[in-house]
C-alpha atoms as a PDB file:
ATOM      1  CA  MET A   1      23.358  12.420 -16.411  1.00  0.00           C
ATOM      2  CA  LYS A   2      20.816  11.067 -13.697  1.00  0.00           C
ATOM      3  CA  MET A   3      22.762  13.473 -10.943  1.00  0.00           C
ATOM      4  CA  LYS A   4      22.458  16.421 -13.680  1.00  0.00           C
ATOM      5  CA  GLY A   5      18.750  15.709 -14.059  1.00  0.00           C
ATOM      6  CA  VAL A   6      17.829  16.315 -10.663  1.00  0.00           C
ATOM      7  CA  THR A   7      19.828  19.386  -9.832  1.00  0.00           C
ATOM      8  CA  SER A   8      17.821  20.948 -13.023  1.00  0.00           C
ATOM      9  CA  ILE A   9      14.798  21.259 -10.334  1.00  0.00           C
ATOM     10  CA  VAL A  10      15.302  24.214  -8.842  1.00  0.00           C
ATOM     11  CA  GLY A  11      16.007  24.173  -5.108  1.00  0.00           C
ATOM     12  CA  ALA A  12      16.836  20.624  -5.090  1.00  0.00           C
ATOM     13  CA  VAL A  13      20.262  19.076  -3.817  1.00  0.00           C
ATOM     14  CA  ALA A  14      21.006  15.671  -4.803  1.00  0.00           C
ATOM     15  CA  THR A  15      23.157  13.268  -3.305  1.00  0.00           C
ATOM     16  CA  ASP A  16      24.803  10.219  -4.531  1.00  0.00           C
ATOM     17  CA  MET A  17      24.190   7.759  -2.031  1.00  0.00           C
ATOM     18  CA  GLY A  18      26.137   5.076  -4.988  1.00  0.00           C
ATOM     19  CA  ILE A  19      25.196   1.705  -5.857  1.00  0.00           C
ATOM     20  CA  LEU A  20      22.396   0.199  -3.393  1.00  0.00           C
ATOM     21  CA  THR A  21      19.785  -1.884  -3.644  1.00  0.00           C
ATOM     22  CA  THR A  22      15.960  -0.836  -3.980  1.00  0.00           C
ATOM     23  CA  PRO A  23      14.820  -1.569   0.244  1.00  0.00           C
ATOM     24  CA  GLN A  24      18.224  -0.007   0.954  1.00  0.00           C
ATOM     25  CA  LEU A  25      17.323   3.094  -0.629  1.00  0.00           C
ATOM     26  CA  HIS A  26      14.124   3.404   0.883  1.00  0.00           C
ATOM     27  CA  TRP A  27      15.574   2.878   3.907  1.00  0.00           C
ATOM     28  CA  MET A  28      17.772   5.773   3.639  1.00  0.00           C
ATOM     29  CA  VAL A  29      14.928   8.168   2.983  1.00  0.00           C
ATOM     30  CA  ARG A  30      13.081   7.009   5.686  1.00  0.00           C
ATOM     31  CA  ALA A  31      15.974   7.330   7.839  1.00  0.00           C
ATOM     32  CA  ARG A  32      16.741  10.907   6.664  1.00  0.00           C
ATOM     33  CA  ASN A  33      13.209  11.763   6.950  1.00  0.00           C
ATOM     34  CA  LYS A  34      13.396  10.933  10.516  1.00  0.00           C
ATOM     35  CA  GLY A  35      16.436  13.140  11.572  1.00  0.00           C
ATOM     36  CA  MET A  36      18.527   9.678  11.605  1.00  0.00           C
ATOM     37  CA  LYS A  37      21.930   8.851  10.266  1.00  0.00           C
ATOM     38  CA  ALA A  38      21.245   7.340   6.532  1.00  0.00           C
ATOM     39  CA  SER A  39      23.981   5.875   4.726  1.00  0.00           C
ATOM     40  CA  GLU A  40      24.732   2.095   3.587  1.00  0.00           C
ATOM     41  CA  GLN A  41      27.129   1.700   6.651  1.00  0.00           C
ATOM     42  CA  ASP A  42      24.369   3.083   9.117  1.00  0.00           C
ATOM     43  CA  TYR A  43      21.852   0.716   7.171  1.00  0.00           C
ATOM     44  CA  PHE A  44      24.253  -2.461   7.929  1.00  0.00           C
ATOM     45  CA  GLU A  45      25.188  -1.326  11.289  1.00  0.00           C
ATOM     46  CA  GLN A  46      21.331  -1.172  12.354  1.00  0.00           C
ATOM     47  CA  LEU A  47      21.152  -4.232  10.890  1.00  0.00           C
ATOM     48  CA  SER A  48      23.821  -6.393  12.590  1.00  0.00           C
ATOM     49  CA  SER A  49      23.391  -4.391  15.872  1.00  0.00           C
ATOM     50  CA  SER A  50      19.823  -5.426  15.825  1.00  0.00           C
ATOM     51  CA  PHE A  51      20.626  -8.958  14.547  1.00  0.00           C
ATOM     52  CA  SER A  52      23.086  -9.393  17.308  1.00  0.00           C
ATOM     53  CA  LEU A  53      21.033  -7.982  20.004  1.00  0.00           C
ATOM     54  CA  MET A  54      18.051 -10.370  19.510  1.00  0.00           C
ATOM     55  CA  GLU A  55      19.662 -13.256  21.095  1.00  0.00           C
ATOM     56  CA  LYS A  56      23.732 -12.585  21.950  1.00  0.00           C
ATOM     57  CA  VAL A  57      24.281 -15.452  18.902  1.00  0.00           C
ATOM     58  CA  LEU A  58      24.767 -15.882  15.214  1.00  0.00           C
ATOM     59  CA  PRO A  59      22.671 -18.644  13.466  1.00  0.00           C
ATOM     60  CA  ASN A  60      24.179 -21.904  12.616  1.00  0.00           C
ATOM     61  CA  SER A  61      26.842 -21.819  10.083  1.00  0.00           C
ATOM     62  CA  PHE A  62      25.674 -22.086   6.779  1.00  0.00           C
ATOM     63  CA  GLY A  63      28.063 -25.478   5.473  1.00  0.00           C
ATOM     64  CA  SER A  64      28.451 -28.837   3.630  1.00  0.00           C
ATOM     65  CA  LYS A  65      25.799 -30.209   6.041  1.00  0.00           C
ATOM     66  CA  ASP A  66      23.278 -27.917   5.350  1.00  0.00           C
ATOM     67  CA  THR A  67      22.896 -28.231   1.593  1.00  0.00           C
ATOM     68  CA  GLY A  68      19.790 -29.418   0.694  1.00  0.00           C
ATOM     69  CA  ILE A  69      18.089 -28.383   4.046  1.00  0.00           C
ATOM     70  CA  ARG A  70      17.632 -24.770   4.267  1.00  0.00           C
ATOM     71  CA  CYS A  71      18.525 -22.503   1.148  1.00  0.00           C
ATOM     72  CA  VAL A  72      16.642 -19.059   0.698  1.00  0.00           C
ATOM     73  CA  SER A  73      16.468 -16.891  -2.764  1.00  0.00           C
ATOM     74  CA  LEU A  74      16.123 -13.524  -3.297  1.00  0.00           C
ATOM     75  CA  ASP A  75      14.830 -11.973  -6.659  1.00  0.00           C
ATOM     76  CA  GLY A  76      17.033  -9.274  -8.397  1.00  0.00           C
ATOM     77  CA  ASP A  77      16.006  -5.893  -6.674  1.00  0.00           C
ATOM     78  CA  ALA A  78      16.556  -7.574  -3.200  1.00  0.00           C
ATOM     79  CA  ASP A  79      12.890  -6.758  -1.773  1.00  0.00           C
ATOM     80  CA  ARG A  80      11.614 -10.257  -1.700  1.00  0.00           C
ATOM     81  CA  LEU A  81      12.593 -13.930  -0.584  1.00  0.00           C
ATOM     82  CA  VAL A  82      11.616 -17.397   0.135  1.00  0.00           C
ATOM     83  CA  TYR A  83      13.126 -19.967   1.471  1.00  0.00           C
ATOM     84  CA  PHE A  84      12.983 -23.761   0.521  1.00  0.00           C
ATOM     85  CA  THR A  85      14.636 -27.078   0.859  1.00  0.00           C
ATOM     86  CA  VAL A  86      15.191 -30.143  -0.986  1.00  0.00           C
ATOM     87  CA  PRO A  87      13.949 -33.275   0.089  1.00  0.00           C
ATOM     88  CA  PRO A  88      15.698 -36.419  -0.353  1.00  0.00           C
ATOM     89  CA  GLU A  89      15.433 -38.246  -3.541  1.00  0.00           C
ATOM     90  CA  SER A  90      13.548 -34.705  -4.460  1.00  0.00           C
ATOM     91  CA  SER A  91      13.886 -35.612  -8.254  1.00  0.00           C
ATOM     92  CA  GLY A  92      14.372 -31.615  -9.287  1.00  0.00           C
ATOM     93  CA  ARG A  93      11.860 -31.107  -6.807  1.00  0.00           C
ATOM     94  CA  ILE A  94      11.643 -28.422  -3.991  1.00  0.00           C
ATOM     95  CA  ASP A  95       9.837 -27.766  -1.105  1.00  0.00           C
ATOM     96  CA  LEU A  96       9.197 -24.242  -0.921  1.00  0.00           C
ATOM     97  CA  VAL A  97       8.614 -22.138   1.909  1.00  0.00           C
ATOM     98  CA  ASP A  98       6.926 -19.059   0.826  1.00  0.00           C
ATOM     99  CA  GLY A  99       5.976 -15.529   2.277  1.00  0.00           C
ATOM    100  CA  ASP A 100       2.750 -17.078   3.693  1.00  0.00           C
ATOM    101  CA  LYS A 101       5.250 -18.674   6.250  1.00  0.00           C
ATOM    102  CA  ILE A 102       7.288 -15.885   6.331  1.00  0.00           C
ATOM    103  CA  LEU A 103       4.610 -14.042   7.672  1.00  0.00           C
ATOM    104  CA  SER A 104       2.919 -16.888   9.909  1.00  0.00           C
ATOM    105  CA  LEU A 105       6.485 -17.312  11.369  1.00  0.00           C
ATOM    106  CA  PHE A 106       6.476 -13.121  11.931  1.00  0.00           C
ATOM    107  CA  ALA A 107       3.389 -13.531  13.462  1.00  0.00           C
ATOM    108  CA  LEU A 108       3.824 -16.028  15.507  1.00  0.00           C
ATOM    109  CA  PHE A 109       7.347 -14.535  17.657  1.00  0.00           C
ATOM    110  CA  ILE A 110       5.765 -11.178  18.118  1.00  0.00           C
ATOM    111  CA  ARG A 111       2.661 -13.214  19.681  1.00  0.00           C
ATOM    112  CA  GLU A 112       4.849 -14.985  22.165  1.00  0.00           C
ATOM    113  CA  GLN A 113       6.812 -11.864  22.948  1.00  0.00           C
ATOM    114  CA  LEU A 114       3.838 -10.220  23.356  1.00  0.00           C
ATOM    115  CA  SER A 115       1.985 -12.762  25.536  1.00  0.00           C
ATOM    116  CA  PHE A 116       5.516 -12.350  27.734  1.00  0.00           C
ATOM    117  CA  LEU A 117       4.639  -8.479  27.938  1.00  0.00           C
ATOM    118  CA  ASN A 118       1.026  -9.317  28.967  1.00  0.00           C
ATOM    119  CA  GLU A 119       2.238 -11.352  32.284  1.00  0.00           C
ATOM    120  CA  LYS A 120       4.248  -8.338  33.444  1.00  0.00           C
ATOM    121  CA  GLU A 121       2.772  -6.966  36.658  1.00  0.00           C
ATOM    122  CA  ASP A 122       3.308  -3.340  35.338  1.00  0.00           C
ATOM    123  CA  MET A 123       1.647  -4.119  32.000  1.00  0.00           C
ATOM    124  CA  LYS A 124      -1.909  -5.888  33.494  1.00  0.00           C
ATOM    125  CA  ASN A 125      -3.818  -2.276  33.170  1.00  0.00           C
ATOM    126  CA  CYS A 126      -2.021  -1.169  30.305  1.00  0.00           C
ATOM    127  CA  HIS A 127      -3.483  -0.614  26.702  1.00  0.00           C
ATOM    128  CA  GLN A 128      -3.826  -4.232  24.425  1.00  0.00           C
ATOM    129  CA  VAL A 129      -1.121  -3.855  21.872  1.00  0.00           C
ATOM    130  CA  ASN A 130      -2.922  -4.092  19.004  1.00  0.00           C
ATOM    131  CA  LEU A 131      -1.200  -7.068  16.269  1.00  0.00           C
ATOM    132  CA  GLY A 132      -2.805  -7.152  12.856  1.00  0.00           C
ATOM    133  CA  VAL A 133      -1.694  -9.079   9.838  1.00  0.00           C
ATOM    134  CA  VAL A 134      -2.772  -8.363   6.445  1.00  0.00           C
ATOM    135  CA  GLN A 135      -2.971 -10.715   3.411  1.00  0.00           C
ATOM    136  CA  THR A 136      -4.253 -10.651  -0.354  1.00  0.00           C
ATOM    137  CA  ALA A 137      -6.884 -13.344  -1.388  1.00  0.00           C
ATOM    138  CA  TYR A 138      -3.763 -14.827  -3.044  1.00  0.00           C
ATOM    139  CA  ALA A 139      -2.840 -16.091   0.456  1.00  0.00           C
ATOM    140  CA  ASN A 140      -3.030 -19.576   0.697  1.00  0.00           C
ATOM    141  CA  GLY A 141      -6.457 -20.656   2.515  1.00  0.00           C
ATOM    142  CA  ALA A 142      -4.457 -22.736   4.777  1.00  0.00           C
ATOM    143  CA  SER A 143      -1.975 -19.708   5.857  1.00  0.00           C
ATOM    144  CA  THR A 144      -4.923 -18.015   7.304  1.00  0.00           C
ATOM    145  CA  ASN A 145      -6.977 -20.375   9.117  1.00  0.00           C
ATOM    146  CA  TYR A 146      -4.058 -21.316  10.735  1.00  0.00           C
ATOM    147  CA  LEU A 147      -3.038 -17.537  11.455  1.00  0.00           C
ATOM    148  CA  LYS A 148      -6.925 -17.279  12.805  1.00  0.00           C
ATOM    149  CA  LEU A 149      -6.329 -20.425  14.655  1.00  0.00           C
ATOM    150  CA  LEU A 150      -4.107 -18.150  16.690  1.00  0.00           C
ATOM    151  CA  ARG A 151      -6.265 -16.009  17.379  1.00  0.00           C
ATOM    152  CA  LEU A 152      -4.587 -13.014  15.289  1.00  0.00           C
ATOM    153  CA  GLU A 153      -6.972 -10.244  13.493  1.00  0.00           C
ATOM    154  CA  VAL A 154      -6.546 -11.162   9.658  1.00  0.00           C
ATOM    155  CA  ASN A 155      -7.215  -8.254   7.008  1.00  0.00           C
ATOM    156  CA  PHE A 156      -7.504  -8.910   3.569  1.00  0.00           C
ATOM    157  CA  THR A 157      -6.844  -5.860   1.058  1.00  0.00           C
ATOM    158  CA  PRO A 158      -6.854  -5.945  -2.880  1.00  0.00           C
ATOM    159  CA  THR A 159      -3.381  -7.141  -4.440  1.00  0.00           C
ATOM    160  CA  GLY A 160      -0.546  -4.325  -4.332  1.00  0.00           C
ATOM    161  CA  VAL A 161       2.141  -3.593  -1.734  1.00  0.00           C
ATOM    162  CA  LYS A 162       0.302  -0.078  -1.446  1.00  0.00           C
ATOM    163  CA  TYR A 163      -2.633  -1.470  -0.084  1.00  0.00           C
ATOM    164  CA  LEU A 164      -1.018  -4.057   2.067  1.00  0.00           C
ATOM    165  CA  HIS A 165       1.316  -1.627   3.707  1.00  0.00           C
ATOM    166  CA  GLU A 166      -1.094   1.159   4.025  1.00  0.00           C
ATOM    167  CA  LYS A 167      -3.662  -1.390   6.278  1.00  0.00           C
ATOM    168  CA  ALA A 168      -0.454  -2.195   7.895  1.00  0.00           C
ATOM    169  CA  THR A 169      -0.341   1.416   9.712  1.00  0.00           C
ATOM    170  CA  GLU A 170      -3.378   0.815  11.452  1.00  0.00           C
ATOM    171  CA  PHE A 171      -2.250  -1.253  14.088  1.00  0.00           C
ATOM    172  CA  ASP A 172       0.347  -1.593  16.910  1.00  0.00           C
ATOM    173  CA  ILE A 173       2.573  -3.749  15.153  1.00  0.00           C
ATOM    174  CA  GLY A 174       1.322  -4.532  11.555  1.00  0.00           C
ATOM    175  CA  ILE A 175       2.700  -7.392   9.605  1.00  0.00           C
ATOM    176  CA  TYR A 176       2.074  -7.990   5.733  1.00  0.00           C
ATOM    177  CA  PHE A 177       3.324 -10.024   3.117  1.00  0.00           C
ATOM    178  CA  GLU A 178       2.479 -11.559  -0.297  1.00  0.00           C
ATOM    179  CA  ALA A 179       3.206 -15.228  -0.629  1.00  0.00           C
ATOM    180  CA  ASN A 180       6.111 -14.377  -3.219  1.00  0.00           C
ATOM    181  CA  GLY A 181       7.625 -13.104  -0.205  1.00  0.00           C
ATOM    182  CA  HIS A 182       7.594  -9.426  -0.458  1.00  0.00           C
ATOM    183  CA  GLY A 183       6.219  -8.153   2.583  1.00  0.00           C
ATOM    184  CA  THR A 184       7.590  -6.225   6.493  1.00  0.00           C
ATOM    185  CA  VAL A 185       6.510  -5.834   9.673  1.00  0.00           C
ATOM    186  CA  LEU A 186       5.323  -1.804  11.283  1.00  0.00           C
ATOM    187  CA  PHE A 187       5.388  -0.691  14.251  1.00  0.00           C
ATOM    188  CA  SER A 188       3.795   2.671  15.496  1.00  0.00           C
ATOM    189  CA  GLU A 189       5.429   5.015  16.907  1.00  0.00           C
ATOM    190  CA  SER A 190       3.455   5.407  20.132  1.00  0.00           C
ATOM    191  CA  PHE A 191       4.025   1.531  20.691  1.00  0.00           C
ATOM    192  CA  ILE A 192       8.021   1.791  20.231  1.00  0.00           C
ATOM    193  CA  GLU A 193       7.789   4.985  22.545  1.00  0.00           C
ATOM    194  CA  SER A 194       6.407   2.646  25.067  1.00  0.00           C
ATOM    195  CA  LEU A 195       8.900   0.003  24.908  1.00  0.00           C
ATOM    196  CA  GLU A 196      11.697   2.624  24.921  1.00  0.00           C
ATOM    197  CA  ALA A 197      10.395   3.895  28.120  1.00  0.00           C
ATOM    198  CA  ARG A 198       9.683  -0.007  29.625  1.00  0.00           C
ATOM    199  CA  THR A 199      12.366  -1.284  28.600  1.00  0.00           C
ATOM    200  CA  ASN A 200      15.206   1.836  30.001  1.00  0.00           C
ATOM    201  CA  GLU A 201      18.943   1.015  30.787  1.00  0.00           C
ATOM    202  CA  ILE A 202      17.496  -2.752  30.700  1.00  0.00           C
ATOM    203  CA  SER A 203      19.716  -5.515  28.601  1.00  0.00           C
ATOM    204  CA  LEU A 204      19.161  -8.914  27.842  1.00  0.00           C
ATOM    205  CA  GLY A 205      22.100  -9.815  29.701  1.00  0.00           C
ATOM    206  CA  SER A 206      20.879  -8.400  32.830  1.00  0.00           C
ATOM    207  CA  LYS A 207      18.246 -11.388  35.149  1.00  0.00           C
ATOM    208  CA  GLY A 208      15.246  -9.180  33.710  1.00  0.00           C
ATOM    209  CA  SER A 209      11.922 -10.908  33.743  1.00  0.00           C
ATOM    210  CA  GLU A 210      10.515 -12.418  30.361  1.00  0.00           C
ATOM    211  CA  GLY A 211       8.701  -9.689  29.989  1.00  0.00           C
ATOM    212  CA  GLU A 212      11.406  -7.413  30.005  1.00  0.00           C
ATOM    213  CA  LYS A 213      13.237  -9.339  27.539  1.00  0.00           C
ATOM    214  CA  ALA A 214      10.827  -9.525  25.194  1.00  0.00           C
ATOM    215  CA  ALA A 215      10.191  -6.031  25.163  1.00  0.00           C
ATOM    216  CA  LEU A 216      13.977  -5.489  24.267  1.00  0.00           C
ATOM    217  CA  ARG A 217      13.383  -8.549  21.520  1.00  0.00           C
ATOM    218  CA  LEU A 218      10.563  -6.436  19.819  1.00  0.00           C
ATOM    219  CA  LEU A 219      12.874  -3.261  19.571  1.00  0.00           C
ATOM    220  CA  ALA A 220      15.244  -5.125  18.436  1.00  0.00           C
ATOM    221  CA  VAL A 221      13.155  -6.388  15.542  1.00  0.00           C
ATOM    222  CA  SER A 222      11.376  -2.916  14.818  1.00  0.00           C
ATOM    223  CA  LYS A 223      15.756  -2.076  13.761  1.00  0.00           C
ATOM    224  CA  LEU A 224      16.469  -4.862  12.477  1.00  0.00           C
ATOM    225  CA  ILE A 225      13.225  -5.335   9.643  1.00  0.00           C
ATOM    226  CA  ASN A 226      12.991  -2.124   7.089  1.00  0.00           C
ATOM    227  CA  GLN A 227       9.611  -0.378   7.904  1.00  0.00           C
ATOM    228  CA  ALA A 228      10.098   1.153   4.441  1.00  0.00           C
ATOM    229  CA  VAL A 229       9.591  -1.154   2.500  1.00  0.00           C
ATOM    230  CA  GLY A 230       9.767  -5.501   1.704  1.00  0.00           C
ATOM    231  CA  ASP A 231      13.873  -5.802   2.191  1.00  0.00           C
ATOM    232  CA  ALA A 232      14.988  -9.407   1.708  1.00  0.00           C
ATOM    233  CA  LEU A 233      18.272  -9.093   3.588  1.00  0.00           C
ATOM    234  CA  SER A 234      16.950  -7.465   6.868  1.00  0.00           C
ATOM    235  CA  GLY A 235      13.490 -10.349   6.171  1.00  0.00           C
ATOM    236  CA  LEU A 236      16.103 -12.812   5.960  1.00  0.00           C
ATOM    237  CA  LEU A 237      18.225 -12.409   9.139  1.00  0.00           C
ATOM    238  CA  LEU A 238      14.591 -11.955  10.993  1.00  0.00           C
ATOM    239  CA  VAL A 239      13.919 -15.206   9.968  1.00  0.00           C
ATOM    240  CA  GLU A 240      17.393 -16.481  10.689  1.00  0.00           C
ATOM    241  CA  VAL A 241      17.127 -14.963  14.607  1.00  0.00           C
ATOM    242  CA  ILE A 242      13.715 -16.251  14.955  1.00  0.00           C
ATOM    243  CA  LEU A 243      13.999 -20.115  13.714  1.00  0.00           C
ATOM    244  CA  GLN A 244      17.243 -19.338  15.992  1.00  0.00           C
ATOM    245  CA  HIS A 245      15.493 -18.416  18.446  1.00  0.00           C
ATOM    246  CA  MET A 246      12.836 -20.837  18.439  1.00  0.00           C
ATOM    247  CA  GLY A 247      15.027 -23.575  17.665  1.00  0.00           C
ATOM    248  CA  TRP A 248      13.700 -24.724  14.859  1.00  0.00           C
ATOM    249  CA  SER A 249      14.895 -26.437  11.697  1.00  0.00           C
ATOM    250  CA  ILE A 250      13.234 -25.320   8.405  1.00  0.00           C
ATOM    251  CA  ASN A 251      11.254 -28.544   8.169  1.00  0.00           C
ATOM    252  CA  LYS A 252       9.292 -27.922  11.751  1.00  0.00           C
ATOM    253  CA  TRP A 253       8.860 -24.290  10.253  1.00  0.00           C
ATOM    254  CA  ASN A 254       7.740 -25.699   6.884  1.00  0.00           C
ATOM    255  CA  GLU A 255       5.279 -28.026   9.082  1.00  0.00           C
ATOM    256  CA  LEU A 256       3.434 -25.703  10.765  1.00  0.00           C
ATOM    257  CA  TYR A 257       0.329 -25.486   8.121  1.00  0.00           C
ATOM    258  CA  HIS A 258       0.284 -27.712   4.962  1.00  0.00           C
ATOM    259  CA  ASP A 259      -0.676 -25.563   1.788  1.00  0.00           C
ATOM    260  CA  LEU A 260      -3.908 -26.143  -0.013  1.00  0.00           C
ATOM    261  CA  PRO A 261      -3.768 -27.234  -3.291  1.00  0.00           C
ATOM    262  CA  SER A 262      -4.430 -24.418  -5.839  1.00  0.00           C
ATOM    263  CA  LYS A 263      -4.297 -23.574  -9.687  1.00  0.00           C
ATOM    264  CA  GLN A 264      -3.797 -20.131 -11.182  1.00  0.00           C
ATOM    265  CA  LEU A 265      -5.409 -19.803 -14.774  1.00  0.00           C
ATOM    266  CA  LYS A 266      -5.965 -16.573 -17.263  1.00  0.00           C
ATOM    267  CA  VAL A 267      -8.789 -16.118 -19.495  1.00  0.00           C
ATOM    268  CA  LYS A 268      -8.452 -13.529 -22.516  1.00  0.00           C
ATOM    269  CA  VAL A 269     -11.723 -11.351 -22.664  1.00  0.00           C
ATOM    270  CA  ALA A 270     -12.835  -8.402 -24.716  1.00  0.00           C
ATOM    271  CA  ASP A 271     -12.947  -5.892 -22.202  1.00  0.00           C
ATOM    272  CA  ARG A 272     -11.198  -6.637 -18.536  1.00  0.00           C
ATOM    273  CA  THR A 273     -12.773  -3.608 -17.579  1.00  0.00           C
ATOM    274  CA  ALA A 274     -16.106  -4.862 -17.467  1.00  0.00           C
ATOM    275  CA  VAL A 275     -15.292  -6.859 -14.534  1.00  0.00           C
ATOM    276  CA  VAL A 276     -15.884  -5.530 -10.750  1.00  0.00           C
ATOM    277  CA  THR A 277     -15.281  -6.746  -7.750  1.00  0.00           C
ATOM    278  CA  THR A 278     -15.374  -5.999  -4.127  1.00  0.00           C
ATOM    279  CA  ASN A 279     -14.587  -7.460  -0.753  1.00  0.00           C
ATOM    280  CA  ALA A 280     -10.983  -7.002  -1.323  1.00  0.00           C
ATOM    281  CA  GLU A 281     -11.283  -8.451  -5.241  1.00  0.00           C
ATOM    282  CA  THR A 282     -13.151 -12.005  -4.275  1.00  0.00           C
ATOM    283  CA  VAL A 283     -16.593 -10.946  -5.068  1.00  0.00           C
ATOM    284  CA  VAL A 284     -17.653 -10.080  -8.703  1.00  0.00           C
ATOM    285  CA  VAL A 285     -20.328  -7.153  -8.839  1.00  0.00           C
ATOM    286  CA  SER A 286     -20.800  -6.723 -12.158  1.00  0.00           C
ATOM    287  CA  PRO A 287     -21.388  -8.541 -14.484  1.00  0.00           C
ATOM    288  CA  PRO A 288     -24.785  -9.914 -12.863  1.00  0.00           C
ATOM    289  CA  GLY A 289     -24.645 -13.359 -12.273  1.00  0.00           C
ATOM    290  CA  LEU A 290     -21.153 -14.381 -12.322  1.00  0.00           C
ATOM    291  CA  GLN A 291     -20.269 -14.560  -8.932  1.00  0.00           C
ATOM    292  CA  GLU A 292     -23.271 -16.871  -8.618  1.00  0.00           C
ATOM    293  CA  ALA A 293     -22.250 -19.483 -11.291  1.00  0.00           C
ATOM    294  CA  ILE A 294     -18.548 -18.953  -9.315  1.00  0.00           C
ATOM    295  CA  ASN A 295     -20.657 -19.745  -5.943  1.00  0.00           C
ATOM    296  CA  GLU A 296     -22.461 -23.016  -6.951  1.00  0.00           C
ATOM    297  CA  GLU A 297     -19.461 -24.232  -8.698  1.00  0.00           C
ATOM    298  CA  THR A 298     -16.954 -23.792  -6.067  1.00  0.00           C
ATOM    299  CA  ALA A 299     -19.679 -25.527  -3.804  1.00  0.00           C
ATOM    300  CA  LYS A 300     -19.228 -28.716  -5.390  1.00  0.00           C
ATOM    301  CA  TYR A 301     -15.452 -29.056  -3.929  1.00  0.00           C
ATOM    302  CA  PRO A 302     -14.175 -30.103  -0.284  1.00  0.00           C
ATOM    303  CA  GLN A 303     -12.656 -26.735   0.658  1.00  0.00           C
ATOM    304  CA  GLY A 304     -12.967 -25.697  -2.683  1.00  0.00           C
ATOM    305  CA  ARG A 305     -12.514 -21.306  -2.763  1.00  0.00           C
ATOM    306  CA  CYS A 306     -12.305 -19.618  -5.904  1.00  0.00           C
ATOM    307  CA  PHE A 307     -12.073 -15.931  -7.293  1.00  0.00           C
ATOM    308  CA  VAL A 308     -12.130 -13.857 -10.652  1.00  0.00           C
ATOM    309  CA  ARG A 309      -9.955 -10.591 -11.093  1.00  0.00           C
ATOM    310  CA  PRO A 310      -9.278  -7.745 -13.734  1.00  0.00           C
ATOM    311  CA  SER A 311      -5.713  -7.554 -14.848  1.00  0.00           C
ATOM    312  CA  GLY A 312      -3.800  -4.859 -13.989  1.00  0.00           C
ATOM    313  CA  THR A 313      -2.164  -4.784 -17.248  1.00  0.00           C
ATOM    314  CA  GLU A 314      -3.417  -7.024 -19.949  1.00  0.00           C
ATOM    315  CA  ASP A 315      -7.478  -8.153 -21.005  1.00  0.00           C
ATOM    316  CA  VAL A 316      -7.459 -10.970 -19.202  1.00  0.00           C
ATOM    317  CA  VAL A 317      -9.014 -12.228 -16.196  1.00  0.00           C
ATOM    318  CA  ARG A 318      -7.193 -14.130 -13.714  1.00  0.00           C
ATOM    319  CA  VAL A 319      -9.088 -16.862 -12.037  1.00  0.00           C
ATOM    320  CA  TYR A 320      -7.342 -18.668  -8.822  1.00  0.00           C
ATOM    321  CA  ALA A 321      -8.695 -21.444  -7.328  1.00  0.00           C
ATOM    322  CA  GLU A 322      -8.199 -23.826  -4.426  1.00  0.00           C
ATOM    323  CA  ALA A 323      -9.348 -27.310  -3.150  1.00  0.00           C
ATOM    324  CA  SER A 324      -8.378 -30.283  -1.160  1.00  0.00           C
ATOM    325  CA  THR A 325      -6.748 -32.027  -3.587  1.00  0.00           C
ATOM    326  CA  GLN A 326      -4.632 -30.436  -6.705  1.00  0.00           C
ATOM    327  CA  GLU A 327      -7.127 -32.698  -9.860  1.00  0.00           C
ATOM    328  CA  ALA A 328     -10.070 -30.613  -8.118  1.00  0.00           C
ATOM    329  CA  ALA A 329      -8.071 -27.125  -7.798  1.00  0.00           C
ATOM    330  CA  GLU A 330      -7.353 -27.568 -11.013  1.00  0.00           C
ATOM    331  CA  THR A 331     -10.883 -28.782 -12.187  1.00  0.00           C
ATOM    332  CA  LEU A 332     -12.352 -26.187 -10.002  1.00  0.00           C
ATOM    333  CA  ALA A 333     -10.150 -23.600 -11.855  1.00  0.00           C
ATOM    334  CA  ASN A 334     -10.988 -24.808 -15.644  1.00  0.00           C
ATOM    335  CA  CYS A 335     -14.168 -24.829 -14.650  1.00  0.00           C
ATOM    336  CA  VAL A 336     -14.650 -20.867 -13.442  1.00  0.00           C
ATOM    337  CA  ALA A 337     -12.576 -20.352 -16.344  1.00  0.00           C
ATOM    338  CA  LYS A 338     -15.121 -21.560 -18.852  1.00  0.00           C
ATOM    339  CA  LEU A 339     -17.779 -19.266 -16.909  1.00  0.00           C
ATOM    340  CA  VAL A 340     -15.700 -15.939 -17.574  1.00  0.00           C
ATOM    341  CA  ASP A 341     -15.517 -17.112 -20.964  1.00  0.00           C
ATOM    342  CA  GLN A 342     -19.277 -17.341 -21.175  1.00  0.00           C
ATOM    343  CA  PHE A 343     -20.064 -13.754 -19.476  1.00  0.00           C
ATOM    344  CA  LEU A 344     -17.173 -11.998 -21.200  1.00  0.00           C
ATOM    345  CA  GLY A 345     -15.421 -13.778 -23.879  1.00  0.00           C
ATOM    346  CA  PHE A 346     -15.114 -12.935 -27.122  1.00  0.00           C
ATOM    347  CA  ASN A 347     -17.887 -14.910 -28.103  1.00  0.00           C
ATOM    348  CA  SER A 348     -20.693 -13.741 -25.140  1.00  0.00           C
ATOM    349  CA  SER A 349     -23.386 -11.403 -26.199  1.00  0.00           C
END
């Protein structure tokens, strides 16, 4: 029935690609538009060949000895992934390794490869590669601080993948991830062309320089990752090969930084459109006085950060707060929620 609906459009030609994940379908559309082969088999062949090219080895098998050490969870349509580990005597707890940490791992690896490229004699006078990472205000502040310590350019956009993806296209290499595990890595066509030109007929099995090997690794990453949309399958393979390359366990990866405690709340309001924000939804410009009140309250807490934004689907205002302790984060969130209610609640004048 769906095929008949498509063919009812004059001039339209429908192709049944079978049962696919949403990211696979996005990959096929992008591949077809670029004049590439675009079947399900082509998708898996590109992932597998790029994966094996990275280091010529496979990750350690996931067996009984790994149970409780490294686990990954994919969502229903396979466009998001998060890792987790079950610590000893967890009492039902898990240690979550979310999209912020996936972004940090990708950024660290790519930054390392670019440093090898810059050491090549023939690249000292070349254009400096523009690497940028993109987050929303919901990214944990500890992840942003870590990325800045790596001297990476961190950009913020309003909440939503469409904003993140658009911003990431502005860089030679743009990396974006939401904390929920949705994200990808984008490579500009000009950067890919420059890599291909410099690595002509070079293989990782040759005695090439580290710079040459780094160029090949980056080319492999550009093919392994699904640049059309967040794809849990390709993202999982990239995480695994980077961990293998670095010789890291999930525990070492998780120690890159420690998340600041946070709390999210929502406040029912009479009219959510009364809240107008700017600066990637982190600053309230209307109603007047609300942002000043939030700033005054936030300043009371060590490492405090708080913002509010209107929901896109219901008459509520969402509150996000961070602080040095969980108790402080929850207190800050509750205090700001009361401020929102004072300014915008049903009983406000």
